[in-house]
Structures are given as structure tokens and as C-alpha cells.
Amino acid sequence: MHDSESDTFVLKTHPQHFSEFLSKIGIESTPKKIGTDEIERGDYYSRCFSQTPRMVTNKGCLEVKNTNIDVIQIIQKG
């Protein structure tokens, strides 16, 4: 590595990454811990249709401020 490059890497969760992205475009948000919000406790997709994936991973939530949206849930389907 060159002397100008940092040797330290900061690990960030998906909510922290998206919160920083939203702050760059002027939206205030706060990342929440995984599994702490009520929205994370239900099924993400209907099991009645064949094209919906069965494997869905919860990546966390963001609490958004000063908008009509209260919470954004980040999920990964696969």
C-alpha cells in the first residue's frame, strides 16, 4: 500500500451504508439493530404464488425522519 492509503477498514452494516447514502442526498435517517423493529417479524412475501422466493434475508431497518415514510426495511431475496 502507498503511504497515503489508510491501513484501517471500517466495517459497516447495510443500514449504516444506506443511511450514509441517504444523508448525501439530504434525507435524515437512523440505522436500527436487526430484529428490533415490529416490521421485521412477519412474512416478507406471500407463499401462495409460485414466483415469490422462499428464501428472504432481513438485513435491517432505517428510521427515516421528516418524511411520510417511517421505516425502511432492507431485505435480500434469493
N, C-alpha and C. Protein backbone atom coordinates (compact mmCIF):
# COMPACT_ATOMS: atom_id res chain seq x y z
N MET A 1 0.84 -1.19 0.00
CA MET A 1 0.00 0.00 0.00
C MET A 1 0.89 1.25 0.00
N HIS A 2 0.36 2.29 -0.55
CA HIS A 2 1.07 3.56 -0.55
C HIS A 2 0.90 4.23 0.81
N ASP A 3 1.78 5.14 1.11
CA ASP A 3 1.73 5.83 2.40
C ASP A 3 0.48 6.65 2.59
N SER A 4 -0.14 7.10 1.50
CA SER A 4 -1.33 7.95 1.61
C SER A 4 -2.60 7.14 1.87
N GLU A 5 -2.54 5.80 1.70
CA GLU A 5 -3.71 4.97 1.90
C GLU A 5 -3.81 4.51 3.35
N SER A 6 -5.01 4.44 3.84
CA SER A 6 -5.25 4.03 5.21
C SER A 6 -5.14 2.51 5.34
N ASP A 7 -4.58 2.04 6.46
CA ASP A 7 -4.49 0.61 6.74
C ASP A 7 -5.71 0.09 7.47
N THR A 8 -6.60 0.97 7.87
CA THR A 8 -7.77 0.60 8.65
C THR A 8 -9.01 0.60 7.78
N PHE A 9 -9.80 -0.48 7.86
CA PHE A 9 -11.05 -0.58 7.13
C PHE A 9 -12.18 -0.58 8.14
N VAL A 10 -13.16 0.26 7.94
CA VAL A 10 -14.31 0.35 8.83
C VAL A 10 -15.42 -0.54 8.27
N LEU A 11 -15.81 -1.57 9.03
CA LEU A 11 -16.89 -2.44 8.61
C LEU A 11 -18.22 -1.78 8.92
N LYS A 12 -19.12 -1.76 7.93
CA LYS A 12 -20.43 -1.13 8.10
C LYS A 12 -21.51 -2.13 7.76
N THR A 13 -22.62 -2.05 8.48
CA THR A 13 -23.78 -2.88 8.18
C THR A 13 -24.53 -2.26 7.00
N HIS A 14 -25.46 -3.02 6.45
CA HIS A 14 -26.27 -2.49 5.35
C HIS A 14 -27.05 -1.24 5.78
N PRO A 15 -27.70 -1.22 6.95
CA PRO A 15 -28.40 0.01 7.35
C PRO A 15 -27.47 1.21 7.50
N GLN A 16 -26.26 1.01 8.01
CA GLN A 16 -25.31 2.12 8.13
C GLN A 16 -24.90 2.64 6.76
N HIS A 17 -24.68 1.73 5.83
CA HIS A 17 -24.29 2.11 4.47
C HIS A 17 -25.41 2.92 3.79
N PHE A 18 -26.65 2.43 3.88
CA PHE A 18 -27.77 3.13 3.26
C PHE A 18 -28.07 4.45 3.96
N SER A 19 -27.87 4.51 5.27
CA SER A 19 -28.09 5.76 5.99
C SER A 19 -27.11 6.84 5.53
N GLU A 20 -25.85 6.46 5.32
CA GLU A 20 -24.87 7.42 4.80
C GLU A 20 -25.22 7.86 3.38
N PHE A 21 -25.70 6.92 2.56
CA PHE A 21 -26.11 7.26 1.20
C PHE A 21 -27.27 8.26 1.22
N LEU A 22 -28.27 8.02 2.09
CA LEU A 22 -29.40 8.93 2.17
C LEU A 22 -29.00 10.30 2.69
N SER A 23 -28.03 10.36 3.61
CA SER A 23 -27.59 11.66 4.13
C SER A 23 -26.92 12.50 3.04
N LYS A 24 -26.29 11.83 2.07
CA LYS A 24 -25.66 12.56 0.97
C LYS A 24 -26.68 13.24 0.07
N ILE A 25 -27.91 12.71 0.02
CA ILE A 25 -28.95 13.34 -0.80
C ILE A 25 -29.94 14.14 0.05
N GLY A 26 -29.58 14.36 1.32
CA GLY A 26 -30.36 15.26 2.16
C GLY A 26 -31.50 14.63 2.96
N ILE A 27 -31.48 13.32 3.14
CA ILE A 27 -32.53 12.65 3.91
C ILE A 27 -31.93 12.14 5.22
N GLU A 28 -32.53 12.54 6.33
CA GLU A 28 -32.04 12.12 7.63
C GLU A 28 -32.60 10.75 7.98
N SER A 29 -31.73 9.85 8.41
CA SER A 29 -32.16 8.51 8.82
C SER A 29 -31.24 7.98 9.91
N THR A 30 -31.77 7.01 10.65
CA THR A 30 -31.02 6.37 11.72
C THR A 30 -31.07 4.86 11.53
N PRO A 31 -29.93 4.19 11.46
CA PRO A 31 -29.96 2.73 11.34
C PRO A 31 -30.41 2.09 12.65
N LYS A 32 -31.18 0.99 12.55
CA LYS A 32 -31.64 0.25 13.71
C LYS A 32 -30.96 -1.11 13.74
N LYS A 33 -30.90 -1.73 14.92
CA LYS A 33 -30.35 -3.07 15.04
C LYS A 33 -31.29 -4.07 14.36
N ILE A 34 -30.72 -5.12 13.84
CA ILE A 34 -31.52 -6.15 13.16
C ILE A 34 -32.41 -6.85 14.18
N GLY A 35 -33.69 -6.98 13.83
CA GLY A 35 -34.65 -7.69 14.66
C GLY A 35 -35.30 -6.88 15.75
N THR A 36 -35.07 -5.57 15.81
CA THR A 36 -35.64 -4.76 16.88
C THR A 36 -36.94 -4.06 16.50
N ASP A 37 -37.29 -4.03 15.23
CA ASP A 37 -38.50 -3.34 14.80
C ASP A 37 -39.64 -4.32 14.56
N GLU A 38 -40.86 -3.87 14.77
CA GLU A 38 -42.06 -4.70 14.59
C GLU A 38 -42.22 -5.15 13.13
N ILE A 39 -41.77 -4.34 12.20
CA ILE A 39 -41.93 -4.65 10.77
C ILE A 39 -41.14 -5.89 10.37
N GLU A 40 -40.13 -6.26 11.13
CA GLU A 40 -39.27 -7.38 10.78
C GLU A 40 -39.81 -8.74 11.23
N ARG A 41 -40.94 -8.78 11.87
CA ARG A 41 -41.43 -10.02 12.46
C ARG A 41 -42.40 -10.81 11.59
N GLY A 42 -42.80 -10.32 10.45
CA GLY A 42 -43.78 -11.02 9.62
C GLY A 42 -43.16 -11.62 8.38
N ASP A 43 -44.00 -12.27 7.56
CA ASP A 43 -43.55 -12.78 6.27
C ASP A 43 -43.32 -11.62 5.31
N TYR A 44 -42.32 -11.76 4.47
CA TYR A 44 -41.99 -10.70 3.52
C TYR A 44 -42.75 -10.84 2.22
N TYR A 45 -43.03 -12.07 1.82
CA TYR A 45 -43.73 -12.34 0.57
C TYR A 45 -44.85 -13.33 0.83
N SER A 46 -45.82 -13.33 -0.06
CA SER A 46 -46.91 -14.29 0.02
C SER A 46 -46.40 -15.67 -0.41
N ARG A 47 -46.84 -16.70 0.29
CA ARG A 47 -46.44 -18.07 -0.05
C ARG A 47 -47.44 -18.72 -1.01
N CYS A 48 -48.43 -17.96 -1.47
CA CYS A 48 -49.47 -18.51 -2.34
C CYS A 48 -49.07 -18.53 -3.81
N PHE A 49 -48.09 -17.75 -4.20
CA PHE A 49 -47.72 -17.64 -5.61
C PHE A 49 -46.37 -18.30 -5.84
N SER A 50 -46.23 -18.98 -6.95
CA SER A 50 -45.04 -19.78 -7.21
C SER A 50 -43.80 -18.94 -7.53
N GLN A 51 -43.97 -17.72 -8.02
CA GLN A 51 -42.81 -16.93 -8.42
C GLN A 51 -42.19 -16.14 -7.28
N THR A 52 -42.77 -16.17 -6.11
CA THR A 52 -42.18 -15.45 -4.99
C THR A 52 -41.12 -16.32 -4.33
N PRO A 53 -39.98 -15.74 -3.96
CA PRO A 53 -38.91 -16.54 -3.38
C PRO A 53 -39.23 -16.98 -1.95
N ARG A 54 -38.76 -18.15 -1.58
CA ARG A 54 -38.96 -18.65 -0.23
C ARG A 54 -37.85 -18.19 0.70
N MET A 55 -36.68 -17.97 0.16
CA MET A 55 -35.54 -17.54 0.98
C MET A 55 -35.45 -16.01 0.97
N VAL A 56 -35.68 -15.39 2.11
CA VAL A 56 -35.57 -13.94 2.24
C VAL A 56 -34.75 -13.65 3.49
N THR A 57 -33.75 -12.80 3.36
CA THR A 57 -32.88 -12.47 4.46
C THR A 57 -33.11 -11.03 4.88
N ASN A 58 -33.34 -10.83 6.16
CA ASN A 58 -33.51 -9.49 6.72
C ASN A 58 -32.13 -8.88 6.93
N LYS A 59 -31.91 -7.70 6.38
CA LYS A 59 -30.63 -7.01 6.53
C LYS A 59 -30.70 -5.84 7.50
N GLY A 60 -31.90 -5.51 8.01
CA GLY A 60 -32.05 -4.43 8.97
C GLY A 60 -33.04 -3.37 8.53
N CYS A 61 -33.16 -2.32 9.35
CA CYS A 61 -34.12 -1.24 9.09
C CYS A 61 -33.47 0.12 9.28
N LEU A 62 -34.08 1.10 8.64
CA LEU A 62 -33.71 2.51 8.82
C LEU A 62 -34.94 3.26 9.30
N GLU A 63 -34.76 4.11 10.29
CA GLU A 63 -35.83 5.01 10.72
C GLU A 63 -35.60 6.34 10.01
N VAL A 64 -36.55 6.76 9.19
CA VAL A 64 -36.41 7.96 8.38
C VAL A 64 -37.12 9.12 9.08
N LYS A 65 -36.50 10.28 9.09
CA LYS A 65 -37.04 11.45 9.78
C LYS A 65 -37.50 12.51 8.78
N ASN A 66 -38.51 13.27 9.17
CA ASN A 66 -39.03 14.41 8.40
C ASN A 66 -39.59 14.02 7.04
N THR A 67 -40.16 12.81 6.92
CA THR A 67 -40.81 12.39 5.69
C THR A 67 -42.09 11.64 6.04
N ASN A 68 -42.87 11.28 5.03
CA ASN A 68 -44.07 10.48 5.24
C ASN A 68 -43.74 9.01 5.48
N ILE A 69 -42.50 8.62 5.24
CA ILE A 69 -42.06 7.23 5.43
C ILE A 69 -41.46 7.12 6.82
N ASP A 70 -41.93 6.15 7.61
CA ASP A 70 -41.42 5.97 8.96
C ASP A 70 -40.20 5.06 9.01
N VAL A 71 -40.31 3.88 8.35
CA VAL A 71 -39.27 2.87 8.43
C VAL A 71 -39.03 2.28 7.05
N ILE A 72 -37.77 2.04 6.72
CA ILE A 72 -37.40 1.33 5.51
C ILE A 72 -36.75 0.03 5.93
N GLN A 73 -37.26 -1.09 5.44
CA GLN A 73 -36.67 -2.38 5.73
C GLN A 73 -35.82 -2.83 4.56
N ILE A 74 -34.62 -3.31 4.85
CA ILE A 74 -33.71 -3.78 3.82
C ILE A 74 -33.75 -5.30 3.85
N ILE A 75 -34.16 -5.90 2.73
CA ILE A 75 -34.23 -7.37 2.65
C ILE A 75 -33.47 -7.84 1.42
N GLN A 76 -33.04 -9.08 1.46
CA GLN A 76 -32.37 -9.72 0.33
C GLN A 76 -33.14 -10.97 -0.01
N LYS A 77 -33.56 -11.08 -1.26
CA LYS A 77 -34.28 -12.28 -1.67
C LYS A 77 -33.35 -13.19 -2.46
N GLY A 78 -33.64 -14.45 -2.41
CA GLY A 78 -32.75 -15.35 -3.12
C GLY A 78 -33.27 -16.69 -3.08
